[in-house]
């Protein structure tokens, strides 16, 4: 009778180990599946957010009806270019003015006054 009980106990013990192993494997599988699913969902959310932000920035600078640039686009795109153009233009204008001033100075120094009141500028 004891031999029968010990074989029954060993079978029960084997079933318990097998069940425990299956439960552990099942738990690991569920955890891995959940982690993978969370990673995929997170990636999808980031890509969707990036796409929506790009769309929002386009709506921000373009008119939705005509698709032409609006004032916001002018402020962001054209104003800096205009300011750069003006600063370059002013630098060139100052350079030209300086050259003209030096030419005028030379003309002033080469002015001859004659006794009859005539003036010769060369």
PDB file of N, CA and C in Angstrom:
ATOM      1  N   UNK A   1       0.794  -1.178   0.000  1.00  0.00           N
ATOM      2  CA  UNK A   1       0.000   0.000   0.000  1.00  0.00           C
ATOM      3  C   UNK A   1       0.847   1.256   0.000  1.00  0.00           C
ATOM      4  N   UNK A   2       1.958   1.132   0.722  1.00  0.00           N
ATOM      5  CA  UNK A   2       2.825   2.298   0.776  1.00  0.00           C
ATOM      6  C   UNK A   2       3.473   2.543  -0.560  1.00  0.00           C
ATOM      7  N   UNK A   3       3.770   1.490  -1.300  1.00  0.00           N
ATOM      8  CA  UNK A   3       4.364   1.650  -2.624  1.00  0.00           C
ATOM      9  C   UNK A   3       3.397   2.366  -3.535  1.00  0.00           C
ATOM     10  N   UNK A   4       2.151   2.069  -3.404  1.00  0.00           N
ATOM     11  CA  UNK A   4       1.111   2.705  -4.214  1.00  0.00           C
ATOM     12  C   UNK A   4       0.989   4.166  -3.847  1.00  0.00           C
ATOM     13  N   UNK A   5       1.067   4.486  -2.545  1.00  0.00           N
ATOM     14  CA  UNK A   5       0.957   5.871  -2.101  1.00  0.00           C
ATOM     15  C   UNK A   5       2.152   6.687  -2.544  1.00  0.00           C
ATOM     16  N   UNK A   6       3.343   6.100  -2.497  1.00  0.00           N
ATOM     17  CA  UNK A   6       4.536   6.850  -2.885  1.00  0.00           C
ATOM     18  C   UNK A   6       4.527   7.142  -4.380  1.00  0.00           C
ATOM     19  N   UNK A   7       4.019   6.201  -5.180  1.00  0.00           N
ATOM     20  CA  UNK A   7       3.943   6.458  -6.622  1.00  0.00           C
ATOM     21  C   UNK A   7       2.899   7.527  -6.912  1.00  0.00           C
ATOM     22  N   UNK A   8       1.817   7.521  -6.139  1.00  0.00           N
ATOM     23  CA  UNK A   8       0.787   8.544  -6.306  1.00  0.00           C
ATOM     24  C   UNK A   8       1.332   9.906  -5.893  1.00  0.00           C
ATOM     25  N   UNK A   9       2.122   9.941  -4.835  1.00  0.00           N
ATOM     26  CA  UNK A   9       2.715  11.191  -4.360  1.00  0.00           C
ATOM     27  C   UNK A   9       3.709  11.727  -5.370  1.00  0.00           C
ATOM     28  N   UNK A  10       4.493  10.846  -5.987  1.00  0.00           N
ATOM     29  CA  UNK A  10       5.475  11.305  -6.972  1.00  0.00           C
ATOM     30  C   UNK A  10       4.782  11.821  -8.230  1.00  0.00           C
ATOM     31  N   UNK A  11       3.676  11.193  -8.617  1.00  0.00           N
ATOM     32  CA  UNK A  11       2.907  11.661  -9.775  1.00  0.00           C
ATOM     33  C   UNK A  11       2.309  13.026  -9.466  1.00  0.00           C
ATOM     34  N   UNK A  12       1.777  13.173  -8.254  1.00  0.00           N
ATOM     35  CA  UNK A  12       1.193  14.452  -7.844  1.00  0.00           C
ATOM     36  C   UNK A  12       2.270  15.529  -7.800  1.00  0.00           C
ATOM     37  N   UNK A  13       3.450  15.163  -7.298  1.00  0.00           N
ATOM     38  CA  UNK A  13       4.567  16.099  -7.230  1.00  0.00           C
ATOM     39  C   UNK A  13       5.007  16.508  -8.633  1.00  0.00           C
ATOM     40  N   UNK A  14       5.049  15.576  -9.562  1.00  0.00           N
ATOM     41  CA  UNK A  14       5.431  15.866 -10.945  1.00  0.00           C
ATOM     42  C   UNK A  14       4.402  16.781 -11.601  1.00  0.00           C
ATOM     43  N   UNK A  15       3.126  16.519 -11.327  1.00  0.00           N
ATOM     44  CA  UNK A  15       2.071  17.368 -11.895  1.00  0.00           C
ATOM     45  C   UNK A  15       2.171  18.789 -11.335  1.00  0.00           C
ATOM     46  N   UNK A  16       2.481  18.894 -10.055  1.00  0.00           N
ATOM     47  CA  UNK A  16       2.606  20.207  -9.426  1.00  0.00           C
ATOM     48  C   UNK A  16       3.769  20.982 -10.035  1.00  0.00           C
ATOM     49  N   UNK A  17       4.919  20.314 -10.232  1.00  0.00           N
ATOM     50  CA  UNK A  17       6.074  20.958 -10.850  1.00  0.00           C
ATOM     51  C   UNK A  17       5.753  21.392 -12.274  1.00  0.00           C
ATOM     52  N   UNK A  18       5.085  20.519 -13.003  1.00  0.00           N
ATOM     53  CA  UNK A  18       4.709  20.827 -14.378  1.00  0.00           C
ATOM     54  C   UNK A  18       3.762  22.019 -14.424  1.00  0.00           C
ATOM     55  N   UNK A  19       2.793  22.020 -13.524  1.00  0.00           N
ATOM     56  CA  UNK A  19       1.829  23.118 -13.470  1.00  0.00           C
ATOM     57  C   UNK A  19       2.526  24.419 -13.088  1.00  0.00           C
ATOM     58  N   UNK A  20       3.450  24.363 -12.148  1.00  0.00           N
ATOM     59  CA  UNK A  20       4.197  25.549 -11.729  1.00  0.00           C
ATOM     60  C   UNK A  20       5.034  26.087 -12.885  1.00  0.00           C
ATOM     61  N   UNK A  21       5.691  25.201 -13.623  1.00  0.00           N
ATOM     62  CA  UNK A  21       6.502  25.589 -14.770  1.00  0.00           C
ATOM     63  C   UNK A  21       5.628  26.240 -15.841  1.00  0.00           C
ATOM     64  N   UNK A  22       4.466  25.657 -16.100  1.00  0.00           N
ATOM     65  CA  UNK A  22       3.549  26.217 -17.094  1.00  0.00           C
ATOM     66  C   UNK A  22       3.048  27.590 -16.653  1.00  0.00           C
ATOM     67  N   UNK A  23       2.734  27.717 -15.364  1.00  0.00           N
ATOM     68  CA  UNK A  23       2.284  29.015 -14.851  1.00  0.00           C
ATOM     69  C   UNK A  23       3.379  30.074 -14.991  1.00  0.00           C
ATOM     70  N   UNK A  24       4.616  29.697 -14.678  1.00  0.00           N
ATOM     71  CA  UNK A  24       5.737  30.627 -14.800  1.00  0.00           C
ATOM     72  C   UNK A  24       5.938  31.031 -16.253  1.00  0.00           C
ATOM     73  N   UNK A  25       5.918  30.049 -17.150  1.00  0.00           N
ATOM     74  CA  UNK A  25       6.069  30.326 -18.579  1.00  0.00           C
ATOM     75  C   UNK A  25       4.934  31.206 -19.074  1.00  0.00           C
ATOM     76  N   UNK A  26       3.741  30.907 -18.638  1.00  0.00           N
ATOM     77  CA  UNK A  26       2.575  31.693 -19.029  1.00  0.00           C
ATOM     78  C   UNK A  26       2.692  33.132 -18.524  1.00  0.00           C
ATOM     79  N   UNK A  27       3.155  33.289 -17.294  1.00  0.00           N
ATOM     80  CA  UNK A  27       3.315  34.625 -16.715  1.00  0.00           C
ATOM     81  C   UNK A  27       4.376  35.414 -17.474  1.00  0.00           C
ATOM     82  N   UNK A  28       5.504  34.780 -17.757  1.00  0.00           N
ATOM     83  CA  UNK A  28       6.573  35.441 -18.519  1.00  0.00           C
ATOM     84  C   UNK A  28       6.071  35.828 -19.903  1.00  0.00           C
ATOM     85  N   UNK A  29       5.340  34.929 -20.521  1.00  0.00           N
ATOM     86  CA  UNK A  29       4.788  35.204 -21.845  1.00  0.00           C
ATOM     87  C   UNK A  29       3.840  36.401 -21.807  1.00  0.00           C
ATOM     88  N   UNK A  30       2.980  36.455 -20.809  1.00  0.00           N
ATOM     89  CA  UNK A  30       2.040  37.577 -20.686  1.00  0.00           C
ATOM     90  C   UNK A  30       2.775  38.894 -20.444  1.00  0.00           C
ATOM     91  N   UNK A  31       3.800  38.852 -19.580  1.00  0.00           N
ATOM     92  CA  UNK A  31       4.567  40.063 -19.276  1.00  0.00           C
ATOM     93  C   UNK A  31       5.289  40.550 -20.527  1.00  0.00           C
ATOM     94  N   UNK A  32       5.926  39.630 -21.251  1.00  0.00           N
ATOM     95  CA  UNK A  32       6.635  40.003 -22.473  1.00  0.00           C
ATOM     96  C   UNK A  32       5.672  40.562 -23.505  1.00  0.00           C
ATOM     97  N   UNK A  33       4.524  39.907 -23.653  1.00  0.00           N
ATOM     98  CA  UNK A  33       3.521  40.358 -24.615  1.00  0.00           C
ATOM     99  C   UNK A  33       3.021  41.747 -24.245  1.00  0.00           C
ATOM    100  N   UNK A  34       2.778  41.988 -22.970  1.00  0.00           N
ATOM    101  CA  UNK A  34       2.311  43.294 -22.510  1.00  0.00           C
ATOM    102  C   UNK A  34       3.381  44.359 -22.739  1.00  0.00           C
ATOM    103  N   UNK A  35       4.633  44.039 -22.440  1.00  0.00           N
ATOM    104  CA  UNK A  35       5.725  44.991 -22.643  1.00  0.00           C
ATOM    105  C   UNK A  35       5.883  45.329 -24.118  1.00  0.00           C
ATOM    106  N   UNK A  36       5.848  44.328 -24.958  1.00  0.00           N
ATOM    107  CA  UNK A  36       5.970  44.539 -26.398  1.00  0.00           C
ATOM    108  C   UNK A  36       4.804  45.373 -26.912  1.00  0.00           C
ATOM    109  N   UNK A  37       3.617  45.053 -26.442  1.00  0.00           N
ATOM    110  CA  UNK A  37       2.424  45.792 -26.864  1.00  0.00           C
ATOM    111  C   UNK A  37       2.523  47.253 -26.415  1.00  0.00           C
ATOM    112  N   UNK A  38       3.004  47.495 -25.198  1.00  0.00           N
ATOM    113  CA  UNK A  38       3.181  48.866 -24.719  1.00  0.00           C
ATOM    114  C   UNK A  38       4.209  49.621 -25.557  1.00  0.00           C
ATOM    115  N   UNK A  39       5.290  48.948 -25.931  1.00  0.00           N
ATOM    116  CA  UNK A  39       6.315  49.589 -26.754  1.00  0.00           C
ATOM    117  C   UNK A  39       5.764  49.967 -28.123  1.00  0.00           C
ATOM    118  N   UNK A  40       4.997  49.070 -28.729  1.00  0.00           N
ATOM    119  CA  UNK A  40       4.402  49.349 -30.037  1.00  0.00           C
ATOM    120  C   UNK A  40       3.409  50.503 -29.935  1.00  0.00           C
ATOM    121  N   UNK A  41       2.588  50.496 -28.903  1.00  0.00           N
ATOM    122  CA  UNK A  41       1.618  51.578 -28.713  1.00  0.00           C
ATOM    123  C   UNK A  41       2.323  52.911 -28.481  1.00  0.00           C
ATOM    124  N   UNK A  42       3.402  52.897 -27.729  1.00  0.00           N
ATOM    125  CA  UNK A  42       4.166  54.118 -27.470  1.00  0.00           C
ATOM    126  C   UNK A  42       4.779  54.663 -28.760  1.00  0.00           C
ATOM    127  N   UNK A  43       5.337  53.778 -29.571  1.00  0.00           N
ATOM    128  CA  UNK A  43       5.910  54.185 -30.855  1.00  0.00           C
ATOM    129  C   UNK A  43       4.838  54.767 -31.763  1.00  0.00           C
ATOM    130  N   UNK A  44       3.701  54.118 -31.820  1.00  0.00           N
ATOM    131  CA  UNK A  44       2.586  54.607 -32.642  1.00  0.00           C
ATOM    132  C   UNK A  44       2.122  55.986 -32.165  1.00  0.00           C
ATOM    133  N   UNK A  45       2.048  56.166 -30.853  1.00  0.00           N
ATOM    134  CA  UNK A  45       1.617  57.456 -30.295  1.00  0.00           C
ATOM    135  C   UNK A  45       2.613  58.558 -30.638  1.00  0.00           C
ATOM    136  N   UNK A  46       3.921  58.253 -30.542  1.00  0.00           N
ATOM    137  CA  UNK A  46       4.937  59.255 -30.877  1.00  0.00           C
ATOM    138  C   UNK A  46       4.881  59.639 -32.348  1.00  0.00           C
ATOM    139  N   UNK A  47       4.733  58.647 -33.228  1.00  0.00           N
ATOM    140  CA  UNK A  47       4.652  58.935 -34.662  1.00  0.00           C
ATOM    141  C   UNK A  47       3.404  59.740 -34.998  1.00  0.00           C
ATOM    142  N   UNK A  48       2.296  59.393 -34.378  1.00  0.00           N
ATOM    143  CA  UNK A  48       1.053  60.134 -34.604  1.00  0.00           C
ATOM    144  C   UNK A  48       1.192  61.570 -34.114  1.00  0.00           C
ATOM    145  N   UNK A  49       1.797  61.756 -32.955  1.00  0.00           N
ATOM    146  CA  UNK A  49       1.995  63.095 -32.407  1.00  0.00           C
ATOM    147  C   UNK A  49       2.889  63.932 -33.317  1.00  0.00           C
ATOM    148  N   UNK A  50       3.948  63.325 -33.836  1.00  0.00           N
ATOM    149  CA  UNK A  50       4.851  64.036 -34.744  1.00  0.00           C
ATOM    150  C   UNK A  50       4.110  64.471 -36.007  1.00  0.00           C
ATOM    151  N   UNK A  51       3.299  63.575 -36.550  1.00  0.00           N
ATOM    152  CA  UNK A  51       2.524  63.876 -37.759  1.00  0.00           C
ATOM    153  C   UNK A  51       1.524  64.999 -37.493  1.00  0.00           C
ATOM    154  N   UNK A  52       0.847  64.950 -36.364  1.00  0.00           N
ATOM    155  CA  UNK A  52      -0.143  65.972 -36.031  1.00  0.00           C
ATOM    156  C   UNK A  52       0.521  67.331 -35.766  1.00  0.00           C
ATOM    157  N   UNK A  53       1.695  67.337 -35.155  1.00  0.00           N
ATOM    158  CA  UNK A  53       2.417  68.593 -34.935  1.00  0.00           C
ATOM    159  C   UNK A  53       2.839  69.226 -36.254  1.00  0.00           C
ATOM    160  N   UNK A  54       3.266  68.397 -37.201  1.00  0.00           N
ATOM    161  CA  UNK A  54       3.629  68.916 -38.523  1.00  0.00           C
ATOM    162  C   UNK A  54       2.407  69.523 -39.205  1.00  0.00           C
ATOM    163  N   UNK A  55       1.294  68.852 -39.110  1.00  0.00           N
ATOM    164  CA  UNK A  55       0.037  69.353 -39.700  1.00  0.00           C
ATOM    165  C   UNK A  55      -0.381  70.661 -39.034  1.00  0.00           C
ATOM    166  N   UNK A  56      -0.246  70.726 -37.724  1.00  0.00           N
ATOM    167  CA  UNK A  56      -0.605  71.932 -36.989  1.00  0.00           C
ATOM    168  C   UNK A  56       0.286  73.110 -37.383  1.00  0.00           C
ATOM    169  N   UNK A  57       1.570  72.861 -37.565  1.00  0.00           N
ATOM    170  CA  UNK A  57       2.463  73.951 -37.969  1.00  0.00           C
ATOM    171  C   UNK A  57       2.122  74.446 -39.370  1.00  0.00           C
ATOM    172  N   UNK A  58       1.694  73.536 -40.253  1.00  0.00           N
ATOM    173  CA  UNK A  58       1.258  73.964 -41.588  1.00  0.00           C
ATOM    174  C   UNK A  58      -0.014  74.799 -41.504  1.00  0.00           C
ATOM    175  N   UNK A  59      -0.943  74.402 -40.656  1.00  0.00           N
ATOM    176  CA  UNK A  59      -2.170  75.183 -40.481  1.00  0.00           C
ATOM    177  C   UNK A  59      -1.872  76.542 -39.857  1.00  0.00           C
ATOM    178  N   UNK A  60      -0.824  76.616 -39.077  1.00  0.00           N
ATOM    179  CA  UNK A  60      -0.451  77.843 -38.393  1.00  0.00           C
ATOM    180  C   UNK A  60       0.068  78.893 -39.370  1.00  0.00           C
ATOM    181  N   UNK A  61       0.785  78.471 -40.418  1.00  0.00           N
ATOM    182  CA  UNK A  61       1.387  79.446 -41.331  1.00  0.00           C
ATOM    183  C   UNK A  61       0.675  79.563 -42.674  1.00  0.00           C
ATOM    184  N   UNK A  62      -0.285  78.690 -42.945  1.00  0.00           N
ATOM    185  CA  UNK A  62      -1.006  78.762 -44.221  1.00  0.00           C
ATOM    186  C   UNK A  62      -2.503  78.909 -43.989  1.00  0.00           C
ATOM    187  N   UNK A  63      -3.142  79.604 -44.923  1.00  0.00           N
ATOM    188  CA  UNK A  63      -4.589  79.738 -44.887  1.00  0.00           C
ATOM    189  C   UNK A  63      -5.198  78.411 -45.320  1.00  0.00           C
ATOM    190  N   UNK A  64      -6.192  77.936 -44.594  1.00  0.00           N
ATOM    191  CA  UNK A  64      -6.765  76.618 -44.891  1.00  0.00           C
ATOM    192  C   UNK A  64      -7.572  76.615 -46.184  1.00  0.00           C
ATOM    193  N   UNK A  65      -8.110  77.749 -46.590  1.00  0.00           N
ATOM    194  CA  UNK A  65      -8.918  77.808 -47.797  1.00  0.00           C
ATOM    195  C   UNK A  65      -8.060  77.960 -49.050  1.00  0.00           C
ATOM    196  N   UNK A  66      -7.146  78.916 -49.046  1.00  0.00           N
ATOM    197  CA  UNK A  66      -6.359  79.217 -50.244  1.00  0.00           C
ATOM    198  C   UNK A  66      -4.996  78.537 -50.265  1.00  0.00           C
ATOM    199  N   UNK A  67      -4.546  78.056 -49.134  1.00  0.00           N
ATOM    200  CA  UNK A  67      -3.219  77.443 -48.976  1.00  0.00           C
ATOM    201  C   UNK A  67      -2.080  78.448 -49.194  1.00  0.00           C
ATOM    202  N   UNK A  68      -2.401  79.737 -49.141  1.00  0.00           N
ATOM    203  CA  UNK A  68      -1.387  80.776 -49.237  1.00  0.00           C
ATOM    204  C   UNK A  68      -0.818  81.050 -47.852  1.00  0.00           C
ATOM    205  N   UNK A  69       0.411  81.591 -47.828  1.00  0.00           N
ATOM    206  CA  UNK A  69       1.013  81.938 -46.548  1.00  0.00           C
ATOM    207  C   UNK A  69       0.248  83.090 -45.913  1.00  0.00           C
ATOM    208  N   UNK A  70       0.089  83.049 -44.604  1.00  0.00           N
ATOM    209  CA  UNK A  70      -0.609  84.114 -43.891  1.00  0.00           C
ATOM    210  C   UNK A  70       0.397  84.997 -43.156  1.00  0.00           C
ATOM    211  N   UNK A  71      -0.096  85.868 -42.303  1.00  0.00           N
ATOM    212  CA  UNK A  71       0.774  86.805 -41.603  1.00  0.00           C
ATOM    213  C   UNK A  71       1.793  86.096 -40.706  1.00  0.00           C
ATOM    214  N   UNK A  72       1.403  84.992 -40.113  1.00  0.00           N
ATOM    215  CA  UNK A  72       2.338  84.249 -39.266  1.00  0.00           C
ATOM    216  C   UNK A  72       3.546  83.793 -40.085  1.00  0.00           C
ATOM    217  N   UNK A  73       3.293  83.350 -41.300  1.00  0.00           N
ATOM    218  CA  UNK A  73       4.391  82.930 -42.168  1.00  0.00           C
ATOM    219  C   UNK A  73       5.264  84.127 -42.517  1.00  0.00           C
ATOM    220  N   UNK A  74       4.624  85.258 -42.764  1.00  0.00           N
ATOM    221  CA  UNK A  74       5.395  86.469 -43.048  1.00  0.00           C
ATOM    222  C   UNK A  74       6.308  86.799 -41.871  1.00  0.00           C
ATOM    223  N   UNK A  75       5.753  86.735 -40.674  1.00  0.00           N
ATOM    224  CA  UNK A  75       6.548  87.044 -39.486  1.00  0.00           C
ATOM    225  C   UNK A  75       7.706  86.067 -39.309  1.00  0.00           C
ATOM    226  N   UNK A  76       7.471  84.812 -39.619  1.00  0.00           N
ATOM    227  CA  UNK A  76       8.506  83.794 -39.410  1.00  0.00           C
ATOM    228  C   UNK A  76       9.503  83.718 -40.559  1.00  0.00           C
ATOM    229  N   UNK A  77       9.033  83.865 -41.803  1.00  0.00           N
ATOM    230  CA  UNK A  77       9.891  83.622 -42.957  1.00  0.00           C
ATOM    231  C   UNK A  77      10.413  84.902 -43.608  1.00  0.00           C
ATOM    232  N   UNK A  78       9.524  85.836 -43.895  1.00  0.00           N
ATOM    233  CA  UNK A  78       9.908  86.997 -44.684  1.00  0.00           C
ATOM    234  C   UNK A  78      10.583  88.092 -43.859  1.00  0.00           C
ATOM    235  N   UNK A  79      10.137  88.321 -42.648  1.00  0.00           N
ATOM    236  CA  UNK A  79      10.710  89.399 -41.839  1.00  0.00           C
ATOM    237  C   UNK A  79      12.214  89.244 -41.621  1.00  0.00           C
ATOM    238  N   UNK A  80      12.690  88.067 -41.229  1.00  0.00           N
ATOM    239  CA  UNK A  80      14.141  87.928 -41.056  1.00  0.00           C
ATOM    240  C   UNK A  80      14.919  88.186 -42.350  1.00  0.00           C
ATOM    241  N   UNK A  81      14.382  87.730 -43.478  1.00  0.00           N
ATOM    242  CA  UNK A  81      15.046  87.993 -44.757  1.00  0.00           C
ATOM    243  C   UNK A  81      15.048  89.481 -45.079  1.00  0.00           C
ATOM    244  N   UNK A  82      13.933  90.143 -44.814  1.00  0.00           N
ATOM    245  CA  UNK A  82      13.837  91.579 -45.057  1.00  0.00           C
ATOM    246  C   UNK A  82      14.834  92.343 -44.186  1.00  0.00           C
ATOM    247  N   UNK A  83      14.922  91.966 -42.912  1.00  0.00           N
ATOM    248  CA  UNK A  83      15.870  92.625 -42.012  1.00  0.00           C
ATOM    249  C   UNK A  83      17.313  92.418 -42.471  1.00  0.00           C
ATOM    250  N   UNK A  84      17.620  91.217 -42.929  1.00  0.00           N
ATOM    251  CA  UNK A  84      18.968  90.935 -43.422  1.00  0.00           C
ATOM    252  C   UNK A  84      19.264  91.779 -44.658  1.00  0.00           C
ATOM    253  N   UNK A  85      18.292  91.868 -45.560  1.00  0.00           N
ATOM    254  CA  UNK A  85      18.457  92.673 -46.766  1.00  0.00           C
ATOM    255  C   UNK A  85      18.693  94.135 -46.402  1.00  0.00           C
ATOM    256  N   UNK A  86      17.906  94.658 -45.471  1.00  0.00           N
ATOM    257  CA  UNK A  86      18.043  96.060 -45.061  1.00  0.00           C
ATOM    258  C   UNK A  86      19.413  96.305 -44.437  1.00  0.00           C
ATOM    259  N   UNK A  87      19.868  95.390 -43.597  1.00  0.00           N
ATOM    260  CA  UNK A  87      21.175  95.589 -42.960  1.00  0.00           C
ATOM    261  C   UNK A  87      22.296  95.565 -43.995  1.00  0.00           C
ATOM    262  N   UNK A  88      22.213  94.677 -44.981  1.00  0.00           N
ATOM    263  CA  UNK A  88      23.221  94.641 -46.049  1.00  0.00           C
ATOM    264  C   UNK A  88      23.141  95.918 -46.874  1.00  0.00           C
ATOM    265  N   UNK A  89      21.934  96.349 -47.197  1.00  0.00           N
ATOM    266  CA  UNK A  89      21.743  97.554 -47.996  1.00  0.00           C
ATOM    267  C   UNK A  89      22.307  98.778 -47.276  1.00  0.00           C
ATOM    268  N   UNK A  90      22.083  98.849 -45.956  1.00  0.00           N
ATOM    269  CA  UNK A  90      22.610  99.976 -45.183  1.00  0.00           C
ATOM    270  C   UNK A  90      24.125  99.964 -45.154  1.00  0.00           C
ATOM    271  N   UNK A  91      24.718  98.770 -45.027  1.00  0.00           N
ATOM    272  CA  UNK A  91      26.180  98.687 -45.032  1.00  0.00           C
ATOM    273  C   UNK A  91      26.734  99.167 -46.365  1.00  0.00           C
ATOM    274  N   UNK A  92      26.106  98.742 -47.462  1.00  0.00           N
ATOM    275  CA  UNK A  92      26.570  99.179 -48.780  1.00  0.00           C
ATOM    276  C   UNK A  92      26.371 100.679 -48.943  1.00  0.00           C
ATOM    277  N   UNK A  93      25.248 101.190 -48.464  1.00  0.00           N
ATOM    278  CA  UNK A  93      24.960 102.617 -48.565  1.00  0.00           C
ATOM    279  C   UNK A  93      25.997 103.418 -47.782  1.00  0.00           C
ATOM    280  N   UNK A  94      26.359 102.944 -46.598  1.00  0.00           N
ATOM    281  CA  UNK A  94      27.374 103.629 -45.799  1.00  0.00           C
ATOM    282  C   UNK A  94      28.713 103.609 -46.513  1.00  0.00           C
ATOM    283  N   UNK A  95      29.050 102.497 -47.136  1.00  0.00           N
ATOM    284  CA  UNK A  95      30.308 102.388 -47.868  1.00  0.00           C
ATOM    285  C   UNK A  95      30.313 103.360 -49.035  1.00  0.00           C
ATOM    286  N   UNK A  96      29.210 103.420 -49.763  1.00  0.00           N
ATOM    287  CA  UNK A  96      29.108 104.347 -50.892  1.00  0.00           C
ATOM    288  C   UNK A  96      29.190 105.782 -50.388  1.00  0.00           C
ATOM    289  N   UNK A  97      28.498 106.083 -49.300  1.00  0.00           N
ATOM    290  CA  UNK A  97      28.530 107.431 -48.735  1.00  0.00           C
ATOM    291  C   UNK A  97      29.946 107.803 -48.311  1.00  0.00           C
ATOM    292  N   UNK A  98      30.655 106.875 -47.708  1.00  0.00           N
ATOM    293  CA  UNK A  98      32.029 107.156 -47.295  1.00  0.00           C
ATOM    294  C   UNK A  98      32.897 107.444 -48.511  1.00  0.00           C
ATOM    295  N   UNK A  99      32.698 106.656 -49.582  1.00  0.00           N
ATOM    296  CA  UNK A  99      33.464 106.903 -50.806  1.00  0.00           C
ATOM    297  C   UNK A  99      33.109 108.264 -51.384  1.00  0.00           C
ATOM    298  N   UNK A 100      31.831 108.606 -51.405  1.00  0.00           N
ATOM    299  CA  UNK A 100      31.412 109.905 -51.928  1.00  0.00           C
ATOM    300  C   UNK A 100      31.959 111.032 -51.065  1.00  0.00           C
ATOM    301  N   UNK A 101      31.972 110.842 -49.770  1.00  0.00           N
ATOM    302  CA  UNK A 101      32.521 111.869 -48.881  1.00  0.00           C
ATOM    303  C   UNK A 101      34.000 112.081 -49.152  1.00  0.00           C
ATOM    304  N   UNK A 102      34.727 111.013 -49.372  1.00  0.00           N
ATOM    305  CA  UNK A 102      36.149 111.178 -49.666  1.00  0.00           C
ATOM    306  C   UNK A 102      36.333 111.857 -51.011  1.00  0.00           C
ATOM    307  N   UNK A 103      35.486 111.537 -51.986  1.00  0.00           N
ATOM    308  CA  UNK A 103      35.574 112.216 -53.272  1.00  0.00           C
ATOM    309  C   UNK A 103      35.234 113.697 -53.116  1.00  0.00           C
ATOM    310  N   UNK A 104      34.226 113.989 -52.320  1.00  0.00           N
ATOM    311  CA  UNK A 104      33.860 115.381 -52.086  1.00  0.00           C
ATOM    312  C   UNK A 104      34.983 116.108 -51.356  1.00  0.00           C
ATOM    313  N   UNK A 105      35.616 115.443 -50.415  1.00  0.00           N
ATOM    314  CA  UNK A 105      36.728 116.065 -49.702  1.00  0.00           C
ATOM    315  C   UNK A 105      37.860 116.397 -50.658  1.00  0.00           C
ATOM    316  N   UNK A 106      38.154 115.478 -51.569  1.00  0.00           N
ATOM    317  CA  UNK A 106      39.207 115.731 -52.549  1.00  0.00           C
ATOM    318  C   UNK A 106      38.834 116.904 -53.440  1.00  0.00           C
ATOM    319  N   UNK A 107      37.558 116.969 -53.820  1.00  0.00           N
ATOM    320  CA  UNK A 107      37.114 118.083 -54.655  1.00  0.00           C
ATOM    321  C   UNK A 107      37.236 119.396 -53.900  1.00  0.00           C
ATOM    322  N   UNK A 108      36.940 119.370 -52.627  1.00  0.00           N
ATOM    323  CA  UNK A 108      37.036 120.589 -51.837  1.00  0.00           C
ATOM    324  C   UNK A 108      38.487 121.050 -51.738  1.00  0.00           C
ATOM    325  N   UNK A 109      39.392 120.130 -51.631  1.00  0.00           N
ATOM    326  CA  UNK A 109      40.801 120.508 -51.499  1.00  0.00           C
ATOM    327  C   UNK A 109      41.390 120.997 -52.812  1.00  0.00           C
ATOM    328  N   UNK A 110      40.823 120.585 -53.930  1.00  0.00           N
ATOM    329  CA  UNK A 110      41.376 121.017 -55.214  1.00  0.00           C
ATOM    330  C   UNK A 110      40.566 122.163 -55.831  1.00  0.00           C
ATOM    331  N   UNK A 111      39.930 122.961 -55.011  1.00  0.00           N
ATOM    332  CA  UNK A 111      39.170 124.107 -55.492  1.00  0.00           C
ATOM    333  C   UNK A 111      40.116 125.311 -55.585  1.00  0.00           C
ATOM    334  N   UNK A 112      40.092 125.966 -56.718  1.00  0.00           N
ATOM    335  CA  UNK A 112      40.945 127.148 -56.933  1.00  0.00           C
ATOM    336  C   UNK A 112      40.062 128.386 -57.052  1.00  0.00           C
ATOM    337  N   UNK A 113      40.432 129.423 -56.337  1.00  0.00           N
ATOM    338  CA  UNK A 113      39.712 130.692 -56.413  1.00  0.00           C
ATOM    339  C   UNK A 113      40.584 131.675 -57.197  1.00  0.00           C
ATOM    340  N   UNK A 114      39.974 132.321 -58.167  1.00  0.00           N
ATOM    341  CA  UNK A 114      40.713 133.284 -58.974  1.00  0.00           C
ATOM    342  C   UNK A 114      40.328 134.698 -58.565  1.00  0.00           C
ATOM    343  N   UNK A 115      41.144 135.653 -58.971  1.00  0.00           N
ATOM    344  CA  UNK A 115      40.931 137.045 -58.573  1.00  0.00           C
ATOM    345  C   UNK A 115      39.669 137.652 -59.164  1.00  0.00           C
ATOM    346  N   UNK A 116      39.221 137.142 -60.295  1.00  0.00           N
ATOM    347  CA  UNK A 116      38.004 137.691 -60.894  1.00  0.00           C
ATOM    348  C   UNK A 116      36.741 137.096 -60.263  1.00  0.00           C
ATOM    349  N   UNK A 117      36.880 136.215 -59.280  1.00  0.00           N
ATOM    350  CA  UNK A 117      35.738 135.652 -58.574  1.00  0.00           C
ATOM    351  C   UNK A 117      35.302 134.301 -59.095  1.00  0.00           C
ATOM    352  N   UNK A 118      35.920 133.816 -60.154  1.00  0.00           N
ATOM    353  CA  UNK A 118      35.558 132.508 -60.681  1.00  0.00           C
ATOM    354  C   UNK A 118      36.210 131.416 -59.837  1.00  0.00           C
ATOM    355  N   UNK A 119      35.559 130.287 -59.842  1.00  0.00           N
ATOM    356  CA  UNK A 119      36.027 129.153 -59.045  1.00  0.00           C
ATOM    357  C   UNK A 119      36.225 127.975 -59.975  1.00  0.00           C
ATOM    358  N   UNK A 120      37.338 127.302 -59.825  1.00  0.00           N
ATOM    359  CA  UNK A 120      37.617 126.121 -60.624  1.00  0.00           C
ATOM    360  C   UNK A 120      37.667 124.920 -59.688  1.00  0.00           C
ATOM    361  N   UNK A 121      36.801 123.962 -59.963  1.00  0.00           N
ATOM    362  CA  UNK A 121      36.777 122.739 -59.162  1.00  0.00           C
ATOM    363  C   UNK A 121      37.267 121.620 -60.055  1.00  0.00           C
ATOM    364  N   UNK A 122      38.322 120.983 -59.643  1.00  0.00           N
ATOM    365  CA  UNK A 122      38.842 119.885 -60.445  1.00  0.00           C
ATOM    366  C   UNK A 122      38.974 118.624 -59.641  1.00  0.00           C
TER     367      UNK A 122
END
